[in-house]
Protein backbone atom coordinates (compact mmCIF):
# COMPACT_ATOMS: atom_id res chain seq x y z
CA MET A 1 -4.69 -15.32 11.76
CA SER A 2 -2.43 -12.50 10.57
CA THR A 3 -2.66 -8.72 10.43
CA LEU A 4 -1.43 -6.26 7.81
CA SER A 5 -0.20 -2.66 7.61
CA THR A 6 1.43 -0.46 4.98
CA HIS A 7 3.53 2.69 4.75
CA VAL A 8 4.06 4.85 1.65
CA LEU A 9 6.99 7.25 1.26
CA ASP A 10 7.24 9.88 -1.48
CA VAL A 11 11.01 9.90 -2.02
CA VAL A 12 11.01 12.81 -4.47
CA ARG A 13 9.41 15.17 -1.97
CA GLY A 14 11.08 13.44 0.98
CA ILE A 15 7.83 13.04 2.92
CA PRO A 16 5.23 10.40 3.78
CA ALA A 17 2.58 10.02 1.06
CA ALA A 18 -0.47 11.19 3.01
CA GLY A 19 -3.96 10.84 1.56
CA MET A 20 -3.33 7.90 -0.78
CA GLN A 21 -6.14 5.40 -1.27
CA VAL A 22 -5.14 1.74 -0.80
CA THR A 23 -7.29 -1.38 -1.22
CA LEU A 24 -6.70 -4.96 -0.12
CA SER A 25 -8.15 -7.89 -2.03
CA ARG A 26 -7.94 -11.65 -2.24
CA GLN A 27 -9.08 -13.52 -5.36
CA ALA A 28 -10.74 -10.34 -6.74
CA VAL A 29 -12.75 -9.84 -3.52
CA ARG A 30 -12.19 -6.51 -1.78
CA LEU A 31 -11.38 -7.14 1.87
CA GLY A 32 -10.61 -3.64 3.06
CA GLY A 33 -8.79 -0.45 2.42
CA GLY A 34 -8.34 3.09 3.50
CA GLU A 35 -6.38 6.27 3.12
CA THR A 36 -2.84 6.79 4.33
CA ASP A 37 -2.59 9.09 7.35
CA THR A 38 -0.29 12.10 7.74
CA ASP A 39 2.62 9.69 8.35
CA GLY A 40 1.82 7.80 5.11
CA ARG A 41 0.56 4.77 7.04
CA ILE A 42 -2.46 2.54 7.24
CA ARG A 43 -1.98 0.66 10.48
CA ALA A 44 -4.64 -2.01 9.88
CA LEU A 45 -5.89 -3.29 6.53
CA GLY A 46 -8.71 -5.81 6.50
CA ASP A 47 -9.57 -8.05 9.39
CA GLU A 48 -7.51 -11.00 10.52
CA LEU A 49 -6.07 -12.64 7.42
CA ALA A 50 -5.76 -16.35 6.71
CA PRO A 51 -2.81 -17.82 4.80
CA GLY A 52 -3.02 -17.19 1.06
CA SER A 53 -2.29 -14.75 -1.75
CA TYR A 54 -3.33 -11.10 -1.47
CA ARG A 55 -3.06 -7.87 -3.44
CA LEU A 56 -2.60 -4.29 -2.34
CA VAL A 57 -3.55 -1.62 -4.89
CA PHE A 58 -2.15 1.86 -4.32
CA ASP A 59 -3.87 4.76 -6.13
CA THR A 60 -0.65 6.50 -7.11
CA GLY A 61 -2.36 8.35 -9.96
CA GLY A 62 -4.80 10.02 -7.59
CA TYR A 63 -2.05 10.88 -5.15
CA PHE A 64 0.19 12.49 -7.77
CA ALA A 65 -2.77 14.29 -9.41
CA HIS A 66 -3.56 15.85 -6.03
CA THR A 67 0.04 17.04 -5.71
CA GLU A 68 -0.01 18.23 -9.37
CA VAL A 69 2.85 15.93 -10.37
CA GLU A 70 2.87 13.88 -13.58
CA THR A 71 3.31 10.14 -13.05
CA PHE A 72 3.90 7.13 -15.28
CA TYR A 73 2.14 4.68 -12.93
CA PRO A 74 -1.58 5.31 -12.29
CA GLU A 75 -1.54 2.52 -9.71
CA VAL A 76 0.89 0.17 -8.06
CA VAL A 77 -0.23 -3.40 -7.41
CA ILE A 78 1.73 -5.50 -4.94
CA ALA A 79 0.90 -9.19 -4.81
CA PHE A 80 2.18 -11.02 -1.74
CA GLY A 81 1.64 -14.18 0.26
CA ILE A 82 0.74 -14.71 3.88
CA THR A 83 2.14 -17.97 5.19
CA ASP A 84 2.55 -17.65 8.96
CA GLU A 85 0.40 -16.32 11.74
CA ARG A 86 2.06 -12.94 12.42
CA HIS A 87 1.93 -9.26 11.52
CA TYR A 88 2.88 -8.35 7.93
CA HIS A 89 4.02 -4.89 6.85
CA VAL A 90 4.24 -3.94 3.15
CA PRO A 91 6.01 -0.60 2.57
CA LEU A 92 6.00 1.26 -0.74
CA VAL A 93 8.80 3.68 -1.68
CA LEU A 94 7.47 5.86 -4.46
CA SER A 95 8.45 8.46 -7.05
CA PRO A 96 6.50 9.55 -10.16
CA PHE A 97 8.52 7.24 -12.43
CA ALA A 98 9.68 4.43 -10.15
CA TYR A 99 8.71 2.43 -7.07
CA SER A 100 10.10 -0.23 -4.79
CA THR A 101 8.75 -2.46 -2.04
CA TYR A 102 10.02 -4.98 0.45
CA ARG A 103 8.81 -7.16 3.30
CA GLY A 104 8.84 -4.84 6.28
CA SER A 105 8.67 -5.66 9.95
């Protein structure tokens, strides 16, 4: 079984995106979630994860509303696949009008 973490960085403000709600699902079933900590991280999402397709949903609209910043994206959805038994890390680099992600380590 595999494990999963995430990290969100607000590149406009140059700080971790603390207090953002994130949910993990598989085939429309919510498996877990949480709120990013002061370092913009959630160190464990869900329980041990079997191979398959998953989705992380980041509440970017709520985060930017809290910081009183207008945003074009009310949420960011990242679909990804787990294939091996290992730890997966899915970072999100975020601004109000753009975002990027990659397979972290």
